Amino acid sequence: MELQRNAFKAGLAEGRTQIGLWSSLCSNIVAEILGDCGFDWILLDTEHSPNELPGLVSQMQALARGTATPIVRPAWNDAVLIKRILDAGAQSLLIPFVQNEAEARAAVAATRYPPEGIRGITTSGRAARFGRVPNYLKTAASQICLLVQVETEAALNDIEAIASVEGIDGVFIGPSDLSASLGHLGNSAHPVVQDAMRDAVTRLTKLGKPAGILTSNEAEARRYLEWGYRFVAVGSDLGVLTRNADALAKAFKS
């Protein structure tokens, strides 16, 4: 049995723009619906959502038949959390709050088996198709896509060093935390924040490293794509549900 090809990782390597959606509702039914929408990737969040490992497994199973590659965001840059998520079958990870080169190297090490890293070894888990993938230990890294979040002024200042770490496939700019770090809490549209995000993608593009970002504003999303962002989340399941449910209620109750 072959190791599953990571379509999202391949798309990044080919320079293709990939459009995604954030998923915070912790539901395999929602994941199944989103997987058939036509998105290239769906972010399954555990940092700011009450999402736990058994639920993640069911969400990844639900996404398996659709167009979208699941990307899982661990709650922190923690080797144990990363190990468990990888063993559960995730091939793409977004690591939050990476501040410097050392933390980027730690994230890479957590996704690699010795001697390249420190990932704990099992060959019987879901990632290895329950032991059916021959040589999984030697081939797993080839299909793991590791993205890191740069979301503070300090991290932005060190972005070249972070992005240049071998094993980092892309860098995601976190608008909300970056806004707060730059002194504009809750206002990612502030010119200072926008300039910082444009500078970030310019610097990453010079390095040949794909940049990602999230916004629920269509005009912003199109602007970010024009700037050169290559993996862009254009909304969230929570936002889509809230806005449309509010509008439907208002249409009949106003």
C-alpha atoms as a PDB file:
ATOM      1  CA  MET A   1       0.000   0.000   0.000  1.00  0.00           C
ATOM      2  CA  GLU A   2       1.396   3.405  -1.007  1.00  0.00           C
ATOM      3  CA  LEU A   3       1.890   6.408   1.245  1.00  0.00           C
ATOM      4  CA  GLN A   4      -0.838   8.932   0.492  1.00  0.00           C
ATOM      5  CA  ARG A   5       0.301  11.827  -1.722  1.00  0.00           C
ATOM      6  CA  ASN A   6      -0.037  15.245  -0.094  1.00  0.00           C
ATOM      7  CA  ALA A   7      -1.803  17.314  -2.769  1.00  0.00           C
ATOM      8  CA  PHE A   8      -1.421  20.552  -0.810  1.00  0.00           C
ATOM      9  CA  LYS A   9       2.349  20.107  -0.410  1.00  0.00           C
ATOM     10  CA  ALA A  10       2.659  19.314  -4.108  1.00  0.00           C
ATOM     11  CA  GLY A  11       0.674  22.436  -4.964  1.00  0.00           C
ATOM     12  CA  LEU A  12       2.991  24.617  -2.882  1.00  0.00           C
ATOM     13  CA  ALA A  13       6.051  23.107  -4.561  1.00  0.00           C
ATOM     14  CA  GLU A  14       4.532  23.789  -7.990  1.00  0.00           C
ATOM     15  CA  GLY A  15       3.769  27.413  -7.089  1.00  0.00           C
ATOM     16  CA  ARG A  16       0.004  27.001  -7.423  1.00  0.00           C
ATOM     17  CA  THR A  17      -2.375  29.303  -5.557  1.00  0.00           C
ATOM     18  CA  GLN A  18      -4.532  27.318  -3.149  1.00  0.00           C
ATOM     19  CA  ILE A  19      -7.735  28.594  -1.565  1.00  0.00           C
ATOM     20  CA  GLY A  20      -8.863  27.289   1.803  1.00  0.00           C
ATOM     21  CA  LEU A  21     -11.339  27.659   4.635  1.00  0.00           C
ATOM     22  CA  TRP A  22     -10.889  27.669   8.422  1.00  0.00           C
ATOM     23  CA  SER A  23     -12.877  25.033  10.327  1.00  0.00           C
ATOM     24  CA  SER A  24     -13.612  25.632  14.006  1.00  0.00           C
ATOM     25  CA  LEU A  25     -16.884  23.758  14.474  1.00  0.00           C
ATOM     26  CA  CYS A  26     -15.230  20.453  15.463  1.00  0.00           C
ATOM     27  CA  SER A  27     -17.693  18.395  13.428  1.00  0.00           C
ATOM     28  CA  ASN A  28     -17.121  15.505  11.034  1.00  0.00           C
ATOM     29  CA  ILE A  29     -20.443  16.341   9.341  1.00  0.00           C
ATOM     30  CA  VAL A  30     -19.297  19.919   8.747  1.00  0.00           C
ATOM     31  CA  ALA A  31     -15.934  18.644   7.496  1.00  0.00           C
ATOM     32  CA  GLU A  32     -17.667  16.312   5.035  1.00  0.00           C
ATOM     33  CA  ILE A  33     -19.777  19.193   3.708  1.00  0.00           C
ATOM     34  CA  LEU A  34     -16.748  21.477   3.360  1.00  0.00           C
ATOM     35  CA  GLY A  35     -14.657  18.795   1.692  1.00  0.00           C
ATOM     36  CA  ASP A  36     -17.031  18.717  -1.278  1.00  0.00           C
ATOM     37  CA  CYS A  37     -17.226  22.517  -1.702  1.00  0.00           C
ATOM     38  CA  GLY A  38     -14.213  22.677  -3.992  1.00  0.00           C
ATOM     39  CA  PHE A  39     -11.663  24.212  -1.624  1.00  0.00           C
ATOM     40  CA  ASP A  40      -8.027  23.149  -1.893  1.00  0.00           C
ATOM     41  CA  TRP A  41      -7.517  22.911   1.878  1.00  0.00           C
ATOM     42  CA  ILE A  42      -9.445  22.980   5.137  1.00  0.00           C
ATOM     43  CA  LEU A  43      -7.762  24.063   8.366  1.00  0.00           C
ATOM     44  CA  LEU A  44      -8.856  21.976  11.340  1.00  0.00           C
ATOM     45  CA  ASP A  45      -8.109  24.133  14.357  1.00  0.00           C
ATOM     46  CA  THR A  46      -7.197  22.963  17.837  1.00  0.00           C
ATOM     47  CA  GLU A  47      -5.594  26.185  19.085  1.00  0.00           C
ATOM     48  CA  HIS A  48      -8.743  28.296  19.384  1.00  0.00           C
ATOM     49  CA  SER A  49     -11.385  25.562  19.063  1.00  0.00           C
ATOM     50  CA  PRO A  50     -12.499  22.812  21.474  1.00  0.00           C
ATOM     51  CA  ASN A  51     -11.163  20.197  19.059  1.00  0.00           C
ATOM     52  CA  GLU A  52      -9.617  17.011  20.469  1.00  0.00           C
ATOM     53  CA  LEU A  53      -7.828  14.099  18.813  1.00  0.00           C
ATOM     54  CA  PRO A  54     -10.753  11.647  18.378  1.00  0.00           C
ATOM     55  CA  GLY A  55     -12.773  14.404  16.727  1.00  0.00           C
ATOM     56  CA  LEU A  56      -9.845  15.327  14.487  1.00  0.00           C
ATOM     57  CA  VAL A  57      -9.608  11.749  13.265  1.00  0.00           C
ATOM     58  CA  SER A  58     -13.284  11.700  12.311  1.00  0.00           C
ATOM     59  CA  GLN A  59     -12.940  15.068  10.565  1.00  0.00           C
ATOM     60  CA  MET A  60      -9.933  13.872   8.559  1.00  0.00           C
ATOM     61  CA  GLN A  61     -11.848  10.723   7.623  1.00  0.00           C
ATOM     62  CA  ALA A  62     -14.749  12.883   6.464  1.00  0.00           C
ATOM     63  CA  LEU A  63     -12.434  15.014   4.320  1.00  0.00           C
ATOM     64  CA  ALA A  64     -10.771  12.005   2.691  1.00  0.00           C
ATOM     65  CA  ARG A  65     -13.153  11.813  -0.246  1.00  0.00           C
ATOM     66  CA  GLY A  66     -13.378  15.524  -1.076  1.00  0.00           C
ATOM     67  CA  THR A  67     -11.144  18.003  -2.893  1.00  0.00           C
ATOM     68  CA  ALA A  68      -9.605  19.579   0.204  1.00  0.00           C
ATOM     69  CA  THR A  69      -6.423  18.569   1.989  1.00  0.00           C
ATOM     70  CA  PRO A  70      -6.824  18.726   5.781  1.00  0.00           C
ATOM     71  CA  ILE A  71      -4.323  20.941   7.577  1.00  0.00           C
ATOM     72  CA  VAL A  72      -4.274  20.637  11.361  1.00  0.00           C
ATOM     73  CA  ARG A  73      -3.195  23.438  13.675  1.00  0.00           C
ATOM     74  CA  PRO A  74      -1.898  22.074  16.990  1.00  0.00           C
ATOM     75  CA  ALA A  75      -2.567  24.133  20.078  1.00  0.00           C
ATOM     76  CA  TRP A  76       1.152  24.897  20.415  1.00  0.00           C
ATOM     77  CA  ASN A  77       4.604  24.140  19.036  1.00  0.00           C
ATOM     78  CA  ASP A  78       4.807  21.053  21.217  1.00  0.00           C
ATOM     79  CA  ALA A  79       6.487  17.809  20.167  1.00  0.00           C
ATOM     80  CA  VAL A  80       3.944  15.602  21.958  1.00  0.00           C
ATOM     81  CA  LEU A  81       0.945  17.326  20.381  1.00  0.00           C
ATOM     82  CA  ILE A  82       2.611  17.191  16.966  1.00  0.00           C
ATOM     83  CA  LYS A  83       3.486  13.501  17.358  1.00  0.00           C
ATOM     84  CA  ARG A  84      -0.070  12.522  18.232  1.00  0.00           C
ATOM     85  CA  ILE A  85      -1.570  14.506  15.357  1.00  0.00           C
ATOM     86  CA  LEU A  86       0.883  13.012  12.855  1.00  0.00           C
ATOM     87  CA  ASP A  87       0.261   9.482  14.121  1.00  0.00           C
ATOM     88  CA  ALA A  88      -3.475  10.125  13.712  1.00  0.00           C
ATOM     89  CA  GLY A  89      -2.892  10.643   9.998  1.00  0.00           C
ATOM     90  CA  ALA A  90      -2.399  14.374   9.457  1.00  0.00           C
ATOM     91  CA  GLN A  91       0.183  15.138   6.783  1.00  0.00           C
ATOM     92  CA  SER A  92      -0.040  18.942   6.879  1.00  0.00           C
ATOM     93  CA  LEU A  93       0.457  21.002  10.045  1.00  0.00           C
ATOM     94  CA  LEU A  94       0.292  24.720  10.845  1.00  0.00           C
ATOM     95  CA  ILE A  95       2.369  25.477  13.936  1.00  0.00           C
ATOM     96  CA  PRO A  96       1.289  28.615  15.812  1.00  0.00           C
ATOM     97  CA  PHE A  97       3.424  31.395  17.305  1.00  0.00           C
ATOM     98  CA  VAL A  98       6.840  30.491  15.942  1.00  0.00           C
ATOM     99  CA  GLN A  99       9.074  33.332  17.062  1.00  0.00           C
ATOM    100  CA  ASN A 100      12.561  32.555  15.782  1.00  0.00           C
ATOM    101  CA  GLU A 101      14.822  30.156  13.923  1.00  0.00           C
ATOM    102  CA  ALA A 102      15.301  27.902  16.959  1.00  0.00           C
ATOM    103  CA  GLU A 103      11.564  27.404  17.377  1.00  0.00           C
ATOM    104  CA  ALA A 104      11.212  26.690  13.649  1.00  0.00           C
ATOM    105  CA  ARG A 105      13.939  24.048  13.928  1.00  0.00           C
ATOM    106  CA  ALA A 106      12.137  22.521  16.923  1.00  0.00           C
ATOM    107  CA  ALA A 107       8.941  22.259  14.875  1.00  0.00           C
ATOM    108  CA  VAL A 108      10.786  20.498  12.058  1.00  0.00           C
ATOM    109  CA  ALA A 109      12.460  18.101  14.501  1.00  0.00           C
ATOM    110  CA  ALA A 110       9.068  17.156  15.943  1.00  0.00           C
ATOM    111  CA  THR A 111       7.925  15.974  12.490  1.00  0.00           C
ATOM    112  CA  ARG A 112      11.027  13.921  11.636  1.00  0.00           C
ATOM    113  CA  TYR A 113      12.183  10.540  12.849  1.00  0.00           C
ATOM    114  CA  PRO A 114      15.709  10.120  14.213  1.00  0.00           C
ATOM    115  CA  PRO A 115      18.404  10.941  13.352  1.00  0.00           C
ATOM    116  CA  GLU A 116      16.887  14.016  11.618  1.00  0.00           C
ATOM    117  CA  GLY A 117      14.418  14.688  14.440  1.00  0.00           C
ATOM    118  CA  ILE A 118      12.748  13.473  17.592  1.00  0.00           C
ATOM    119  CA  ARG A 119       9.386  12.098  16.458  1.00  0.00           C
ATOM    120  CA  GLY A 120       8.446   9.011  18.446  1.00  0.00           C
ATOM    121  CA  ILE A 121       8.179   5.806  16.449  1.00  0.00           C
ATOM    122  CA  THR A 122       5.159   3.665  15.694  1.00  0.00           C
ATOM    123  CA  THR A 123       4.321   1.883  12.462  1.00  0.00           C
ATOM    124  CA  SER A 124       0.863   0.632  13.434  1.00  0.00           C
ATOM    125  CA  GLY A 125      -1.080   3.906  13.516  1.00  0.00           C
ATOM    126  CA  ARG A 126      -3.434   5.534  11.047  1.00  0.00           C
ATOM    127  CA  ALA A 127      -0.602   7.509   9.428  1.00  0.00           C
ATOM    128  CA  ALA A 128       0.993   4.251   8.244  1.00  0.00           C
ATOM    129  CA  ARG A 129      -2.386   2.841   7.177  1.00  0.00           C
ATOM    130  CA  PHE A 130      -2.249   0.654  10.285  1.00  0.00           C
ATOM    131  CA  GLY A 131       1.053  -0.937   9.318  1.00  0.00           C
ATOM    132  CA  ARG A 132       0.230  -1.456   5.649  1.00  0.00           C
ATOM    133  CA  VAL A 133       2.593   1.201   4.230  1.00  0.00           C
ATOM    134  CA  PRO A 134       6.034  -0.383   3.724  1.00  0.00           C
ATOM    135  CA  ASN A 135       9.002   1.776   4.765  1.00  0.00           C
ATOM    136  CA  TYR A 136       6.716   4.375   6.330  1.00  0.00           C
ATOM    137  CA  LEU A 137       9.467   5.441   8.725  1.00  0.00           C
ATOM    138  CA  LYS A 138      11.770   6.303   5.810  1.00  0.00           C
ATOM    139  CA  THR A 139       9.174   7.923   3.539  1.00  0.00           C
ATOM    140  CA  ALA A 140       6.831   9.790   5.912  1.00  0.00           C
ATOM    141  CA  ALA A 141       8.747  13.091   5.784  1.00  0.00           C
ATOM    142  CA  SER A 142       8.417  13.271   2.001  1.00  0.00           C
ATOM    143  CA  GLN A 143       4.676  13.895   2.328  1.00  0.00           C
ATOM    144  CA  ILE A 144       4.623  15.960   5.530  1.00  0.00           C
ATOM    145  CA  CYS A 145       3.941  19.637   4.898  1.00  0.00           C
ATOM    146  CA  LEU A 146       5.069  21.915   7.699  1.00  0.00           C
ATOM    147  CA  LEU A 147       3.783  25.473   7.889  1.00  0.00           C
ATOM    148  CA  VAL A 148       4.703  27.910  10.638  1.00  0.00           C
ATOM    149  CA  GLN A 149       2.849  30.991  11.839  1.00  0.00           C
ATOM    150  CA  VAL A 150       4.624  34.323  12.064  1.00  0.00           C
ATOM    151  CA  GLU A 151       2.336  36.521  14.125  1.00  0.00           C
ATOM    152  CA  THR A 152       4.360  39.033  16.126  1.00  0.00           C
ATOM    153  CA  GLU A 153       6.650  41.953  15.316  1.00  0.00           C
ATOM    154  CA  ALA A 154       9.621  40.032  16.721  1.00  0.00           C
ATOM    155  CA  ALA A 155       8.917  37.030  14.495  1.00  0.00           C
ATOM    156  CA  LEU A 156       8.407  39.281  11.490  1.00  0.00           C
ATOM    157  CA  ASN A 157      11.825  40.804  12.064  1.00  0.00           C
ATOM    158  CA  ASP A 158      13.300  37.277  11.954  1.00  0.00           C
ATOM    159  CA  ILE A 159      11.167  35.982   9.085  1.00  0.00           C
ATOM    160  CA  GLU A 160      14.037  35.164   6.699  1.00  0.00           C
ATOM    161  CA  ALA A 161      15.783  32.999   9.280  1.00  0.00           C
ATOM    162  CA  ILE A 162      12.531  31.232  10.170  1.00  0.00           C
ATOM    163  CA  ALA A 163      11.532  30.624   6.560  1.00  0.00           C
ATOM    164  CA  SER A 164      14.987  29.380   5.559  1.00  0.00           C
ATOM    165  CA  VAL A 165      15.000  26.474   8.016  1.00  0.00           C
ATOM    166  CA  GLU A 166      15.152  23.234   6.047  1.00  0.00           C
ATOM    167  CA  GLY A 167      11.830  21.420   6.354  1.00  0.00           C
ATOM    168  CA  ILE A 168       9.642  24.534   6.510  1.00  0.00           C
ATOM    169  CA  ASP A 169       7.303  24.388   3.506  1.00  0.00           C
ATOM    170  CA  GLY A 170       5.497  27.690   3.994  1.00  0.00           C
ATOM    171  CA  VAL A 171       4.954  30.623   6.332  1.00  0.00           C
ATOM    172  CA  PHE A 172       1.533  31.783   7.459  1.00  0.00           C
ATOM    173  CA  ILE A 173       1.066  35.377   8.585  1.00  0.00           C
ATOM    174  CA  GLY A 174      -1.389  35.606  11.505  1.00  0.00           C
ATOM    175  CA  PRO A 175      -3.267  38.914  11.063  1.00  0.00           C
ATOM    176  CA  SER A 176      -4.969  39.094  14.466  1.00  0.00           C
ATOM    177  CA  ASP A 177      -1.963  38.481  16.698  1.00  0.00           C
ATOM    178  CA  LEU A 178       0.267  40.532  14.426  1.00  0.00           C
ATOM    179  CA  SER A 179      -2.180  43.439  14.720  1.00  0.00           C
ATOM    180  CA  ALA A 180      -2.022  43.229  18.497  1.00  0.00           C
ATOM    181  CA  SER A 181       1.765  42.999  18.469  1.00  0.00           C
ATOM    182  CA  LEU A 182       1.967  46.128  16.316  1.00  0.00           C
ATOM    183  CA  GLY A 183      -0.290  48.061  18.690  1.00  0.00           C
ATOM    184  CA  HIS A 184      -3.543  47.815  16.732  1.00  0.00           C
ATOM    185  CA  LEU A 185      -5.534  45.147  18.585  1.00  0.00           C
ATOM    186  CA  GLY A 186      -8.582  44.036  16.606  1.00  0.00           C
ATOM    187  CA  ASN A 187      -7.717  46.188  13.583  1.00  0.00           C
ATOM    188  CA  SER A 188      -5.866  44.179  10.950  1.00  0.00           C
ATOM    189  CA  ALA A 189      -7.013  46.740   8.362  1.00  0.00           C
ATOM    190  CA  HIS A 190      -4.841  49.450   9.918  1.00  0.00           C
ATOM    191  CA  PRO A 191      -2.292  50.747   7.367  1.00  0.00           C
ATOM    192  CA  VAL A 192       0.631  49.818   9.628  1.00  0.00           C
ATOM    193  CA  VAL A 193      -0.576  46.216   9.807  1.00  0.00           C
ATOM    194  CA  GLN A 194      -1.341  46.051   6.097  1.00  0.00           C
ATOM    195  CA  ASP A 195       2.112  47.384   5.267  1.00  0.00           C
ATOM    196  CA  ALA A 196       3.678  44.757   7.521  1.00  0.00           C
ATOM    197  CA  MET A 197       1.735  41.946   5.850  1.00  0.00           C
ATOM    198  CA  ARG A 198       2.689  43.187   2.393  1.00  0.00           C
ATOM    199  CA  ASP A 199       6.327  43.454   3.439  1.00  0.00           C
ATOM    200  CA  ALA A 200       6.186  39.894   4.794  1.00  0.00           C
ATOM    201  CA  VAL A 201       4.970  38.342   1.550  1.00  0.00           C
ATOM    202  CA  THR A 202       7.479  40.370  -0.451  1.00  0.00           C
ATOM    203  CA  ARG A 203      10.344  39.088   1.683  1.00  0.00           C
ATOM    204  CA  LEU A 204       9.083  35.504   1.584  1.00  0.00           C
ATOM    205  CA  THR A 205       8.630  35.609  -2.182  1.00  0.00           C
ATOM    206  CA  LYS A 206      12.260  36.707  -2.583  1.00  0.00           C
ATOM    207  CA  LEU A 207      13.248  33.592  -0.642  1.00  0.00           C
ATOM    208  CA  GLY A 208      11.004  31.410  -2.793  1.00  0.00           C
ATOM    209  CA  LYS A 209       8.931  30.457   0.256  1.00  0.00           C
ATOM    210  CA  PRO A 210       5.116  30.322  -0.107  1.00  0.00           C
ATOM    211  CA  ALA A 211       3.163  32.691   2.145  1.00  0.00           C
ATOM    212  CA  GLY A 212      -0.321  32.164   3.582  1.00  0.00           C
ATOM    213  CA  ILE A 213      -2.921  34.286   5.323  1.00  0.00           C
ATOM    214  CA  LEU A 214      -6.556  34.326   6.527  1.00  0.00           C
ATOM    215  CA  THR A 215      -9.337  36.852   5.994  1.00  0.00           C
ATOM    216  CA  SER A 216     -13.117  36.718   5.722  1.00  0.00           C
ATOM    217  CA  ASN A 217     -13.179  39.926   3.665  1.00  0.00           C
ATOM    218  CA  GLU A 218     -13.360  39.230  -0.074  1.00  0.00           C
ATOM    219  CA  ALA A 219     -11.656  42.470  -1.096  1.00  0.00           C
ATOM    220  CA  GLU A 220      -8.819  41.793   1.335  1.00  0.00           C
ATOM    221  CA  ALA A 221      -8.449  38.211   0.106  1.00  0.00           C
ATOM    222  CA  ARG A 222      -8.143  39.357  -3.496  1.00  0.00           C
ATOM    223  CA  ARG A 223      -5.619  42.018  -2.493  1.00  0.00           C
ATOM    224  CA  TYR A 224      -3.522  39.468  -0.625  1.00  0.00           C
ATOM    225  CA  LEU A 225      -3.558  37.194  -3.673  1.00  0.00           C
ATOM    226  CA  GLU A 226      -2.384  40.110  -5.817  1.00  0.00           C
ATOM    227  CA  TRP A 227       0.436  40.737  -3.342  1.00  0.00           C
ATOM    228  CA  GLY A 228       1.625  37.163  -3.825  1.00  0.00           C
ATOM    229  CA  TYR A 229       0.097  35.116  -1.012  1.00  0.00           C
ATOM    230  CA  ARG A 230      -0.148  31.542  -2.280  1.00  0.00           C
ATOM    231  CA  PHE A 231      -2.367  29.791   0.279  1.00  0.00           C
ATOM    232  CA  VAL A 232      -5.233  31.954   1.440  1.00  0.00           C
ATOM    233  CA  ALA A 233      -8.131  31.072   3.736  1.00  0.00           C
ATOM    234  CA  VAL A 234     -11.101  33.125   2.566  1.00  0.00           C
ATOM    235  CA  GLY A 235     -13.378  32.537   5.540  1.00  0.00           C
ATOM    236  CA  SER A 236     -14.383  30.117   8.260  1.00  0.00           C
ATOM    237  CA  ASP A 237     -17.203  27.657   8.798  1.00  0.00           C
ATOM    238  CA  LEU A 238     -18.129  29.523  11.979  1.00  0.00           C
ATOM    239  CA  GLY A 239     -18.320  32.841  10.125  1.00  0.00           C
ATOM    240  CA  VAL A 240     -20.307  31.406   7.215  1.00  0.00           C
ATOM    241  CA  LEU A 241     -22.845  29.859   9.593  1.00  0.00           C
ATOM    242  CA  THR A 242     -23.146  32.933  11.819  1.00  0.00           C
ATOM    243  CA  ARG A 243     -23.516  35.497   9.025  1.00  0.00           C
ATOM    244  CA  ASN A 244     -25.976  33.477   6.995  1.00  0.00           C
ATOM    245  CA  ALA A 245     -28.064  32.423  10.002  1.00  0.00           C
ATOM    246  CA  ASP A 246     -28.188  36.046  11.202  1.00  0.00           C
ATOM    247  CA  ALA A 247     -29.236  37.254   7.753  1.00  0.00           C
ATOM    248  CA  LEU A 248     -31.938  34.613   7.422  1.00  0.00           C
ATOM    249  CA  ALA A 249     -33.403  35.405  10.833  1.00  0.00           C
ATOM    250  CA  LYS A 250     -33.309  39.142  10.112  1.00  0.00           C
ATOM    251  CA  ALA A 251     -35.068  38.658   6.793  1.00  0.00           C
ATOM    252  CA  PHE A 252     -38.079  37.133   8.519  1.00  0.00           C
ATOM    253  CA  LYS A 253     -38.016  38.860  11.910  1.00  0.00           C
ATOM    254  CA  SER A 254     -37.349  42.480  10.993  1.00  0.00           C
END
